[in-house]
Amino acid sequence: QNIKIEEYKRKLELDKRKEFITQKVNEKNSSIDPQSYSSKNYQTIINKISNFLNNVATGNGGAVRIVYGGIFNSLFDSNTAKNGGAVFAYNCLIDSCEFNMNSADMGGAICTSEPSISRNNYKVIVENSYFNDNVVSQNGASIAALGAADINNCNFMENGNHESIYFKSTEEKNKLNITNNYIESDFTYDIYY
């Protein structure tokens, strides 16, 4: 089941130029955490040039933790978390975003995860996005995909001390699809799966 932009235009919409600067989060939450609104049908859209700068979370998603939804035309710069320095996602579309100098243990810019209960068609799709100088202490300097993911038409430039894309899943049905990406780095290998 592909995620369509039109399906995610409700509940939280950030208009025009919004900046989320220097948020310190001491729990597992991020600057924007849709789970805190707790609804089965809750969907989030972050749109129209949002900037997430210098956010810190001790858990998942330095700037955003998203369960269902989409993130479009946004800048994520210098965010930090345990997993997903900028974004921690389960089922969403990330399109036309820029990720610079984010850091985490896994997924310097983005960490995806399998849901705790088995669900069909959970997937994170990352398209038309730019990743520069993101770093990790473990895996996935740009993206750590721990569930199904499609990565299309993205640029990965000098993303730190590990592979740009890391994939591992406990579910055999989950696949990593990579199409038409450009990766430039000094690391031994750029994709690990």
C-alpha atoms as a PDB file:
ATOM      1  CA  GLN A   1       0.000   0.000   0.000  1.00  0.00           C
ATOM      2  CA  ASN A   2       1.639   3.204  -1.163  1.00  0.00           C
ATOM      3  CA  ILE A   3       1.312   6.329   0.903  1.00  0.00           C
ATOM      4  CA  LYS A   4      -0.416   9.186  -0.919  1.00  0.00           C
ATOM      5  CA  ILE A   5       0.091  12.829   0.002  1.00  0.00           C
ATOM      6  CA  GLU A   6      -3.643  13.550  -0.128  1.00  0.00           C
ATOM      7  CA  GLU A   7      -4.305  10.933   2.572  1.00  0.00           C
ATOM      8  CA  TYR A   8      -2.243  12.812   5.130  1.00  0.00           C
ATOM      9  CA  LYS A   9      -3.725  16.303   5.118  1.00  0.00           C
ATOM     10  CA  ARG A  10      -5.425  16.309   8.477  1.00  0.00           C
ATOM     11  CA  LYS A  11      -4.861  16.809  12.169  1.00  0.00           C
ATOM     12  CA  LEU A  12      -1.460  18.595  12.240  1.00  0.00           C
ATOM     13  CA  GLU A  13      -0.510  20.926   9.394  1.00  0.00           C
ATOM     14  CA  LEU A  14       2.359  23.332   9.745  1.00  0.00           C
ATOM     15  CA  ASP A  15       1.882  26.241   7.355  1.00  0.00           C
ATOM     16  CA  LYS A  16       4.351  28.619   5.809  1.00  0.00           C
ATOM     17  CA  ARG A  17       7.754  28.872   7.490  1.00  0.00           C
ATOM     18  CA  LYS A  18       7.791  27.309  10.944  1.00  0.00           C
ATOM     19  CA  GLU A  19      10.946  26.781  12.940  1.00  0.00           C
ATOM     20  CA  PHE A  20      11.456  24.365  15.792  1.00  0.00           C
ATOM     21  CA  ILE A  21      14.696  25.495  17.370  1.00  0.00           C
ATOM     22  CA  THR A  22      16.607  24.056  20.317  1.00  0.00           C
ATOM     23  CA  GLN A  23      14.047  21.778  21.892  1.00  0.00           C
ATOM     24  CA  LYS A  24      15.397  19.573  24.680  1.00  0.00           C
ATOM     25  CA  VAL A  25      13.274  16.536  25.307  1.00  0.00           C
ATOM     26  CA  ASN A  26      14.166  14.367  28.287  1.00  0.00           C
ATOM     27  CA  GLU A  27      11.624  11.618  27.776  1.00  0.00           C
ATOM     28  CA  LYS A  28      11.128   9.371  24.771  1.00  0.00           C
ATOM     29  CA  ASN A  29       9.228  12.070  22.878  1.00  0.00           C
ATOM     30  CA  SER A  30      10.409  14.423  20.162  1.00  0.00           C
ATOM     31  CA  SER A  31       9.549  17.990  19.235  1.00  0.00           C
ATOM     32  CA  ILE A  32       6.554  16.632  17.350  1.00  0.00           C
ATOM     33  CA  ASP A  33       5.253  13.275  18.517  1.00  0.00           C
ATOM     34  CA  PRO A  34       1.929  12.113  17.071  1.00  0.00           C
ATOM     35  CA  GLN A  35       1.694   9.307  19.618  1.00  0.00           C
ATOM     36  CA  SER A  36       1.112  11.874  22.327  1.00  0.00           C
ATOM     37  CA  TYR A  37      -2.250  12.574  20.652  1.00  0.00           C
ATOM     38  CA  SER A  38      -3.033   8.855  20.782  1.00  0.00           C
ATOM     39  CA  SER A  39      -5.570   7.916  18.146  1.00  0.00           C
ATOM     40  CA  LYS A  40      -5.676   4.831  15.937  1.00  0.00           C
ATOM     41  CA  ASN A  41      -6.499   6.906  12.881  1.00  0.00           C
ATOM     42  CA  TYR A  42      -4.200   9.804  13.669  1.00  0.00           C
ATOM     43  CA  GLN A  43      -2.203  11.029  10.701  1.00  0.00           C
ATOM     44  CA  THR A  44       0.368  13.794  10.604  1.00  0.00           C
ATOM     45  CA  ILE A  45       1.531  16.046   7.816  1.00  0.00           C
ATOM     46  CA  ILE A  46       4.479  18.384   8.134  1.00  0.00           C
ATOM     47  CA  ASN A  47       4.560  20.598   5.088  1.00  0.00           C
ATOM     48  CA  LYS A  48       5.597  23.866   3.491  1.00  0.00           C
ATOM     49  CA  ILE A  49       9.164  24.570   4.506  1.00  0.00           C
ATOM     50  CA  SER A  50       9.427  23.663   8.175  1.00  0.00           C
ATOM     51  CA  ASN A  51      12.839  23.952   9.821  1.00  0.00           C
ATOM     52  CA  PHE A  52      13.931  21.686  12.685  1.00  0.00           C
ATOM     53  CA  LEU A  53      17.187  22.971  14.186  1.00  0.00           C
ATOM     54  CA  ASN A  54      19.240  21.782  17.189  1.00  0.00           C
ATOM     55  CA  ASN A  55      16.568  19.539  18.745  1.00  0.00           C
ATOM     56  CA  VAL A  56      17.607  16.863  21.248  1.00  0.00           C
ATOM     57  CA  ALA A  57      15.728  13.750  22.414  1.00  0.00           C
ATOM     58  CA  THR A  58      17.045  11.040  24.727  1.00  0.00           C
ATOM     59  CA  GLY A  59      14.867   8.455  22.961  1.00  0.00           C
ATOM     60  CA  ASN A  60      13.701   8.209  19.348  1.00  0.00           C
ATOM     61  CA  GLY A  61      13.469  11.070  16.857  1.00  0.00           C
ATOM     62  CA  GLY A  62      15.434  14.204  17.729  1.00  0.00           C
ATOM     63  CA  ALA A  63      12.959  16.450  15.913  1.00  0.00           C
ATOM     64  CA  VAL A  64      10.022  14.246  14.831  1.00  0.00           C
ATOM     65  CA  ARG A  65       8.634  10.834  15.718  1.00  0.00           C
ATOM     66  CA  ILE A  66       5.902   9.896  13.269  1.00  0.00           C
ATOM     67  CA  VAL A  67       3.649   6.843  13.140  1.00  0.00           C
ATOM     68  CA  TYR A  68       1.475   7.602  10.083  1.00  0.00           C
ATOM     69  CA  GLY A  69       1.853  10.541   7.751  1.00  0.00           C
ATOM     70  CA  GLY A  70       4.186  12.580   5.645  1.00  0.00           C
ATOM     71  CA  ILE A  71       6.987  15.101   5.914  1.00  0.00           C
ATOM     72  CA  PHE A  72       7.531  17.411   2.950  1.00  0.00           C
ATOM     73  CA  ASN A  73       9.838  20.296   2.011  1.00  0.00           C
ATOM     74  CA  SER A  74      11.503  20.477   5.431  1.00  0.00           C
ATOM     75  CA  LEU A  75      15.019  21.121   6.720  1.00  0.00           C
ATOM     76  CA  PHE A  76      16.503  19.076   9.575  1.00  0.00           C
ATOM     77  CA  ASP A  77      19.798  20.463  10.854  1.00  0.00           C
ATOM     78  CA  SER A  78      21.905  19.478  13.892  1.00  0.00           C
ATOM     79  CA  ASN A  79      19.284  17.331  15.654  1.00  0.00           C
ATOM     80  CA  THR A  80      20.288  14.524  18.028  1.00  0.00           C
ATOM     81  CA  ALA A  81      18.604  11.397  19.441  1.00  0.00           C
ATOM     82  CA  LYS A  82      19.366   7.813  20.384  1.00  0.00           C
ATOM     83  CA  ASN A  83      17.685   6.508  17.177  1.00  0.00           C
ATOM     84  CA  GLY A  84      16.801   8.766  14.273  1.00  0.00           C
ATOM     85  CA  GLY A  85      18.773  11.949  14.908  1.00  0.00           C
ATOM     86  CA  ALA A  86      16.142  13.946  13.009  1.00  0.00           C
ATOM     87  CA  VAL A  87      13.212  11.571  12.338  1.00  0.00           C
ATOM     88  CA  PHE A  88      11.977   8.264  13.759  1.00  0.00           C
ATOM     89  CA  ALA A  89       9.237   6.780  11.559  1.00  0.00           C
ATOM     90  CA  TYR A  90       7.009   3.712  11.231  1.00  0.00           C
ATOM     91  CA  ASN A  91       4.788   4.324   8.188  1.00  0.00           C
ATOM     92  CA  CYS A  92       5.256   7.539   6.257  1.00  0.00           C
ATOM     93  CA  LEU A  93       6.406   9.372   3.161  1.00  0.00           C
ATOM     94  CA  ILE A  94       9.360  11.753   3.454  1.00  0.00           C
ATOM     95  CA  ASP A  95       9.697  13.860   0.301  1.00  0.00           C
ATOM     96  CA  SER A  96      11.903  16.785  -0.746  1.00  0.00           C
ATOM     97  CA  CYS A  97      13.629  17.236   2.613  1.00  0.00           C
ATOM     98  CA  GLU A  98      17.178  18.151   3.568  1.00  0.00           C
ATOM     99  CA  PHE A  99      19.096  16.503   6.430  1.00  0.00           C
ATOM    100  CA  ASN A 100      22.372  18.130   7.568  1.00  0.00           C
ATOM    101  CA  MET A 101      24.655  17.300  10.516  1.00  0.00           C
ATOM    102  CA  ASN A 102      22.166  15.171  12.476  1.00  0.00           C
ATOM    103  CA  SER A 103      23.491  12.494  14.833  1.00  0.00           C
ATOM    104  CA  ALA A 104      22.327   9.334  16.618  1.00  0.00           C
ATOM    105  CA  ASP A 105      23.396   5.859  17.661  1.00  0.00           C
ATOM    106  CA  MET A 106      21.382   4.421  14.727  1.00  0.00           C
ATOM    107  CA  GLY A 107      20.055   6.401  11.781  1.00  0.00           C
ATOM    108  CA  GLY A 108      21.929   9.702  11.885  1.00  0.00           C
ATOM    109  CA  ALA A 109      19.123  11.417   9.965  1.00  0.00           C
ATOM    110  CA  ILE A 110      16.284   8.844   9.816  1.00  0.00           C
ATOM    111  CA  CYS A 111      15.587   5.605  11.672  1.00  0.00           C
ATOM    112  CA  THR A 112      12.640   3.477  10.614  1.00  0.00           C
ATOM    113  CA  SER A 113      11.165   0.709  12.702  1.00  0.00           C
ATOM    114  CA  GLU A 114       8.922  -2.273  12.464  1.00  0.00           C
ATOM    115  CA  PRO A 115       5.771  -1.875  14.556  1.00  0.00           C
ATOM    116  CA  SER A 116       5.680  -3.807  17.817  1.00  0.00           C
ATOM    117  CA  ILE A 117       2.739  -5.803  16.471  1.00  0.00           C
ATOM    118  CA  SER A 118       2.727  -7.283  12.992  1.00  0.00           C
ATOM    119  CA  ARG A 119       0.921  -5.064  10.487  1.00  0.00           C
ATOM    120  CA  ASN A 120       0.686  -5.422   6.754  1.00  0.00           C
ATOM    121  CA  ASN A 121       2.111  -2.809   4.428  1.00  0.00           C
ATOM    122  CA  TYR A 122       4.044  -0.698   6.938  1.00  0.00           C
ATOM    123  CA  LYS A 123       6.682   1.127   4.932  1.00  0.00           C
ATOM    124  CA  VAL A 124       8.750   4.288   5.027  1.00  0.00           C
ATOM    125  CA  ILE A 125       9.324   5.951   1.666  1.00  0.00           C
ATOM    126  CA  VAL A 126      12.101   8.536   1.311  1.00  0.00           C
ATOM    127  CA  GLU A 127      12.198  10.441  -1.985  1.00  0.00           C
ATOM    128  CA  ASN A 128      13.909  13.434  -3.573  1.00  0.00           C
ATOM    129  CA  SER A 129      15.837  14.249  -0.406  1.00  0.00           C
ATOM    130  CA  TYR A 130      19.375  15.383   0.395  1.00  0.00           C
ATOM    131  CA  PHE A 131      21.596  13.989   3.167  1.00  0.00           C
ATOM    132  CA  ASN A 132      24.837  15.717   4.123  1.00  0.00           C
ATOM    133  CA  ASP A 133      27.312  15.144   6.950  1.00  0.00           C
ATOM    134  CA  ASN A 134      25.068  13.022   9.224  1.00  0.00           C
ATOM    135  CA  VAL A 135      26.848  10.732  11.717  1.00  0.00           C
ATOM    136  CA  VAL A 136      26.175   7.695  13.922  1.00  0.00           C
ATOM    137  CA  SER A 137      27.982   5.666  16.547  1.00  0.00           C
ATOM    138  CA  GLN A 138      26.514   2.345  15.280  1.00  0.00           C
ATOM    139  CA  ASN A 139      24.699   1.971  11.921  1.00  0.00           C
ATOM    140  CA  GLY A 140      23.205   4.027   9.105  1.00  0.00           C
ATOM    141  CA  ALA A 141      24.879   7.441   8.964  1.00  0.00           C
ATOM    142  CA  SER A 142      21.905   8.734   6.943  1.00  0.00           C
ATOM    143  CA  ILE A 143      19.204   6.054   7.190  1.00  0.00           C
ATOM    144  CA  ALA A 144      18.816   2.988   9.398  1.00  0.00           C
ATOM    145  CA  ALA A 145      15.878   1.046   7.950  1.00  0.00           C
ATOM    146  CA  LEU A 146      14.727  -1.558  10.471  1.00  0.00           C
ATOM    147  CA  GLY A 147      11.570  -2.305   8.496  1.00  0.00           C
ATOM    148  CA  ALA A 148      10.342  -2.051   4.898  1.00  0.00           C
ATOM    149  CA  ALA A 149      11.672   1.015   3.080  1.00  0.00           C
ATOM    150  CA  ASP A 150      11.867   2.559  -0.379  1.00  0.00           C
ATOM    151  CA  ILE A 151      14.635   5.105  -0.996  1.00  0.00           C
ATOM    152  CA  ASN A 152      14.350   6.902  -4.334  1.00  0.00           C
ATOM    153  CA  ASN A 153      16.095   9.818  -6.064  1.00  0.00           C
ATOM    154  CA  CYS A 154      18.145  10.928  -3.034  1.00  0.00           C
ATOM    155  CA  ASN A 155      21.651  12.368  -2.695  1.00  0.00           C
ATOM    156  CA  PHE A 156      23.965  11.194   0.093  1.00  0.00           C
ATOM    157  CA  MET A 157      27.088  13.331   0.551  1.00  0.00           C
ATOM    158  CA  GLU A 158      29.908  12.677   3.058  1.00  0.00           C
ATOM    159  CA  ASN A 159      27.739  11.051   5.685  1.00  0.00           C
ATOM    160  CA  GLY A 160      30.164  10.315   8.446  1.00  0.00           C
ATOM    161  CA  ASN A 161      31.860   7.289   9.797  1.00  0.00           C
ATOM    162  CA  HIS A 162      29.483   4.478   8.721  1.00  0.00           C
ATOM    163  CA  GLU A 163      27.507   3.300   5.715  1.00  0.00           C
ATOM    164  CA  SER A 164      24.960   5.820   4.407  1.00  0.00           C
ATOM    165  CA  ILE A 165      22.108   3.271   4.349  1.00  0.00           C
ATOM    166  CA  TYR A 166      21.710   0.363   6.773  1.00  0.00           C
ATOM    167  CA  PHE A 167      18.934  -2.254   6.473  1.00  0.00           C
ATOM    168  CA  LYS A 168      17.961  -5.043   8.846  1.00  0.00           C
ATOM    169  CA  SER A 169      14.553  -6.595   9.453  1.00  0.00           C
ATOM    170  CA  THR A 170      13.246  -9.509  11.493  1.00  0.00           C
ATOM    171  CA  GLU A 171      10.268  -9.870   9.131  1.00  0.00           C
ATOM    172  CA  GLU A 172      11.071 -11.680   5.882  1.00  0.00           C
ATOM    173  CA  LYS A 173       8.305  -9.778   4.051  1.00  0.00           C
ATOM    174  CA  ASN A 174      10.093  -6.456   4.618  1.00  0.00           C
ATOM    175  CA  LYS A 175      12.304  -5.340   1.758  1.00  0.00           C
ATOM    176  CA  LEU A 176      14.617  -2.446   1.039  1.00  0.00           C
ATOM    177  CA  ASN A 177      14.134  -0.934  -2.421  1.00  0.00           C
ATOM    178  CA  ILE A 178      16.745   1.563  -3.582  1.00  0.00           C
ATOM    179  CA  THR A 179      16.286   3.397  -6.893  1.00  0.00           C
ATOM    180  CA  ASN A 180      18.255   6.155  -8.630  1.00  0.00           C
ATOM    181  CA  ASN A 181      20.274   7.481  -5.656  1.00  0.00           C
ATOM    182  CA  TYR A 182      23.686   9.151  -5.615  1.00  0.00           C
ATOM    183  CA  ILE A 183      26.119   8.342  -2.791  1.00  0.00           C
ATOM    184  CA  GLU A 184      29.501  10.001  -2.254  1.00  0.00           C
ATOM    185  CA  SER A 185      31.565   9.008   0.772  1.00  0.00           C
ATOM    186  CA  ASP A 186      34.956   7.796   1.947  1.00  0.00           C
ATOM    187  CA  PHE A 187      33.493   4.855   3.875  1.00  0.00           C
ATOM    188  CA  THR A 188      34.372   1.295   2.752  1.00  0.00           C
ATOM    189  CA  TYR A 189      30.809   0.491   1.690  1.00  0.00           C
ATOM    190  CA  ASP A 190      27.791   2.760   1.255  1.00  0.00           C
ATOM    191  CA  ILE A 191      24.900   0.355   1.787  1.00  0.00           C
ATOM    192  CA  TYR A 192      24.749  -2.446   4.352  1.00  0.00           C
ATOM    193  CA  TYR A 193      22.014  -5.115   4.374  1.00  0.00           C
END
